[in-house]
C-alpha atoms as a PDB file:
ATOM      1  CA  MET A   1      76.320  68.295  65.331  1.00  0.00           C
ATOM      2  CA  ILE A   2      78.424  69.438  62.340  1.00  0.00           C
ATOM      3  CA  ILE A   3      75.232  70.497  60.582  1.00  0.00           C
ATOM      4  CA  LYS A   4      74.259  72.720  63.532  1.00  0.00           C
ATOM      5  CA  GLN A   5      77.834  74.304  63.565  1.00  0.00           C
ATOM      6  CA  LEU A   6      77.655  74.841  59.788  1.00  0.00           C
ATOM      7  CA  PHE A   7      74.007  76.216  60.102  1.00  0.00           C
ATOM      8  CA  ALA A   8      75.146  78.591  62.974  1.00  0.00           C
ATOM      9  CA  LYS A   9      78.165  79.734  60.900  1.00  0.00           C
ATOM     10  CA  PHE A  10      75.826  80.182  57.527  1.00  0.00           C
ATOM     11  CA  SER A  11      73.453  82.182  59.718  1.00  0.00           C
ATOM     12  CA  LEU A  12      75.921  84.539  61.036  1.00  0.00           C
ATOM     13  CA  VAL A  13      77.702  85.190  57.540  1.00  0.00           C
ATOM     14  CA  PHE A  14      74.086  85.646  55.952  1.00  0.00           C
ATOM     15  CA  LEU A  15      73.008  88.104  58.739  1.00  0.00           C
ATOM     16  CA  ALA A  16      76.095  90.105  58.470  1.00  0.00           C
ATOM     17  CA  VAL A  17      75.842  90.201  54.621  1.00  0.00           C
ATOM     18  CA  LEU A  18      72.109  90.995  54.888  1.00  0.00           C
ATOM     19  CA  LEU A  19      72.864  93.947  57.522  1.00  0.00           C
ATOM     20  CA  GLN A  20      75.760  95.282  55.339  1.00  0.00           C
ATOM     21  CA  THR A  21      73.589  95.142  51.953  1.00  0.00           C
ATOM     22  CA  SER A  22      70.823  97.030  53.571  1.00  0.00           C
ATOM     23  CA  ALA A  23      73.221  99.692  54.689  1.00  0.00           C
ATOM     24  CA  LEU A  24      74.570 100.024  51.393  1.00  0.00           C
ATOM     25  CA  LEU A  25      71.277 100.324  49.717  1.00  0.00           C
ATOM     26  CA  ALA A  26      70.000 102.842  51.874  1.00  0.00           C
ATOM     27  CA  GLN A  27      73.304 105.089  50.898  1.00  0.00           C
ATOM     28  CA  ALA A  28      72.735 104.250  47.442  1.00  0.00           C
ATOM     29  CA  SER A  29      69.223 105.592  47.384  1.00  0.00           C
ATOM     30  CA  LYS A  30      70.407 109.011  48.718  1.00  0.00           C
ATOM     31  CA  VAL A  31      73.340 109.588  46.188  1.00  0.00           C
ATOM     32  CA  ILE A  32      73.180 108.865  42.466  1.00  0.00           C
ATOM     33  CA  PRO A  33      76.404 109.154  41.029  1.00  0.00           C
ATOM     34  CA  ASP A  34      77.066 111.429  38.044  1.00  0.00           C
ATOM     35  CA  ASP A  35      79.240 108.851  36.071  1.00  0.00           C
ATOM     36  CA  GLY A  36      77.724 107.836  32.930  1.00  0.00           C
ATOM     37  CA  MET A  37      78.352 104.242  33.183  1.00  0.00           C
ATOM     38  CA  ALA A  38      77.014 104.038  36.802  1.00  0.00           C
ATOM     39  CA  ASN A  39      74.114 106.100  35.845  1.00  0.00           C
ATOM     40  CA  LEU A  40      73.226 103.776  32.978  1.00  0.00           C
ATOM     41  CA  MET A  41      73.444 101.002  35.319  1.00  0.00           C
ATOM     42  CA  TYR A  42      71.098 102.231  37.714  1.00  0.00           C
ATOM     43  CA  GLN A  43      68.629 103.417  35.067  1.00  0.00           C
ATOM     44  CA  SER A  44      68.500  99.986  33.336  1.00  0.00           C
ATOM     45  CA  GLY A  45      68.485  98.158  36.561  1.00  0.00           C
ATOM     46  CA  LYS A  46      71.606  96.147  35.658  1.00  0.00           C
ATOM     47  CA  ILE A  47      73.236  97.112  38.773  1.00  0.00           C
ATOM     48  CA  TYR A  48      71.140  94.578  40.642  1.00  0.00           C
ATOM     49  CA  VAL A  49      72.607  91.886  38.309  1.00  0.00           C
ATOM     50  CA  VAL A  50      75.955  92.951  39.108  1.00  0.00           C
ATOM     51  CA  VAL A  51      75.377  93.114  42.988  1.00  0.00           C
ATOM     52  CA  GLY A  52      73.621  89.681  42.733  1.00  0.00           C
ATOM     53  CA  VAL A  53      76.712  87.915  40.881  1.00  0.00           C
ATOM     54  CA  ILE A  54      78.964  89.328  43.395  1.00  0.00           C
ATOM     55  CA  LEU A  55      77.053  88.183  46.244  1.00  0.00           C
ATOM     56  CA  LEU A  56      76.587  84.594  44.546  1.00  0.00           C
ATOM     57  CA  ILE A  57      80.377  84.534  44.135  1.00  0.00           C
ATOM     58  CA  PHE A  58      80.712  85.581  47.808  1.00  0.00           C
ATOM     59  CA  ILE A  59      78.435  82.949  49.025  1.00  0.00           C
ATOM     60  CA  GLY A  60      80.350  80.253  46.716  1.00  0.00           C
ATOM     61  CA  VAL A  61      83.432  81.185  48.377  1.00  0.00           C
ATOM     62  CA  VAL A  62      82.115  81.033  51.875  1.00  0.00           C
ATOM     63  CA  PHE A  63      80.832  77.613  51.192  1.00  0.00           C
ATOM     64  CA  TYR A  64      84.017  76.496  49.798  1.00  0.00           C
ATOM     65  CA  LEU A  65      85.716  77.522  52.821  1.00  0.00           C
ATOM     66  CA  LEU A  66      83.578  75.998  55.117  1.00  0.00           C
ATOM     67  CA  ALA A  67      83.477  72.626  53.322  1.00  0.00           C
ATOM     68  CA  LEU A  68      87.707  72.948  53.312  1.00  0.00           C
ATOM     69  CA  ASP A  69      87.507  73.581  56.869  1.00  0.00           C
ATOM     70  CA  ARG A  70      85.538  70.396  57.500  1.00  0.00           C
ATOM     71  CA  ARG A  71      88.063  68.363  55.441  1.00  0.00           C
ATOM     72  CA  ILE A  72      90.885  69.916  57.347  1.00  0.00           C
ATOM     73  CA  LYS A  73      89.393  69.165  60.522  1.00  0.00           C
ATOM     74  CA  LYS A  74      88.832  65.570  59.333  1.00  0.00           C
ATOM     75  CA  LEU A  75      92.394  65.324  58.500  1.00  0.00           C
ATOM     76  CA  GLU A  76      93.556  66.688  61.794  1.00  0.00           C
ATOM     77  CA  ASP A  77      91.363  64.101  63.648  1.00  0.00           C
ATOM     78  CA  GLU A  78      92.920  61.181  61.743  1.00  0.00           C
ATOM     79  CA  ILE A  79      96.605  62.200  62.776  1.00  0.00           C
END
């Protein structure tokens, strides 16, 4: 039961992130910034590393919050 709820929450979050990311990538392909640092990141492909690291951090925070939520529910049930 808990695994199904966890999977449902994760699926919704993943879908939301996927839709947001696809919209951002579509916008990014239309506009290439004139900023030197951003242009360098785009040309070398390192922008994808930055986006990947941010995405991993976000996913880690989501998993941490879900685990914390389960622990709090267990404590509430005990009380």
